[in-house]
C-alpha cells in the first residue's frame, strides 16, 4: 500500500492531582499572565516556584460561567516548573522565556510524537507539548503503523496548536489497466469522536468512485478505521501517471494517491490479484501471493501470463514461491 502523510490544536498538563482546578496552558511565557479556573466552593489558588510562593492576593478574580477565572501577571518571576494548588487539587505547569516557542499537540492517546529532536508519548487525553528553539521543525506522530508528519514554523514567544489525525492512504494496485477497477483505502486514527466521515474525492475526468459499506460511519477516538472506495478507470484512459485527490474537511486532511495506468502489468500484480474463483484479474482485491494463485501461475511457465505481455519463467515462479513462503 502506498503511504502518504496526511495531516493536518490541545492542552496537556505537566501533572495533575485532583479535580476542579484547571490551568489555561501547560506552558506560559514569562511575558504573559497566568490564567487558571476553579469551581465554586474550591479554595483560593496559590502558586509556587520552588521556595517562592505567590499568595492569592496577586490574583484578579472574575466569574466565568459555572467556574471562577483567576489571572495574575508576574513579569519578574523565574522560568521553570511552577505548581498551582487549591484545597482540592494541584496542577503543575512550566514558565519559559519568550525567546523560545511552544507547540501544543493533540493526537491519539499513546501516539509517539517527535519534534525538534524531542520524543514524547501523547497522554491519556492525547495531549503533549514541546518547548523548542525558533525555526522550522518536522512534527511526526506514529501509532499502530500509521504516521502523520508536517512542517511547523516556530517563532519566538509564539504558542502553536496542532491537532493530528494519523492516517495513510493507498490503492490496491500501484498500476492498473484501462477499464479495470481498483480499491482506494484510507486508514485513520482520529484523536476525538466524529459523528460521520465527511469525504470528498477528486478524480481524473471520466473516472468513477463507489463507496464501500460503512464509508461515512462515525469515527471513534483512538480506533483504527479503514474506509474504502472502488475506483473505476474508463476503458479509453490513456497510459500515464494519474492522481486521486481526497479531502476530509472535518478532519482537516487532504491527500493525493498516485496511480499509474498501463496496457501491461508486472507479473507480481497479475498473480497477486488473480481471482481464482472467477478466473479473471481483479485489481480491486487485496494483493497477495497465495498457494492457490501460485498453482495457477505455475500453469503458465513457458507461456505468456495474461495481461503482462511476457512469458513466465521458472525463475519468476521461484521468486513468487519465495514470497509466498515468507508471508504470514
Foldseek 3Di string as FASTA:
>chain_A
DDWDAKKDFAADFPDKDFDFKAWPHQEAELQAKTKIKGAPPWAQKWKDDVPRIDDSVQWDWDDDVRIIMIIHRDNPDDWDKMWMDIPGMITIHTYHHQQWEKEHEAEAAQKWKDKPRDIDGQHNLRIDMDIGGFAKIKIWTDDPHFIHIDIDGTGGNYYHGGYTKTKTKEWLDQEEEAQAKIKIKMKIAGQAKDQWFDKDKDFDPPKDKAWDPPQTHIDHHGDIDMTMIIIGHHNPDDWDKTWMWMDGVVRRIIDIYIHTYDQADDPQQQLQQQDPVVRHGHSHDHGDHEPSSLVVVVVQAVHDDPRHPDGQHPVNSVVSVVRRVPDD
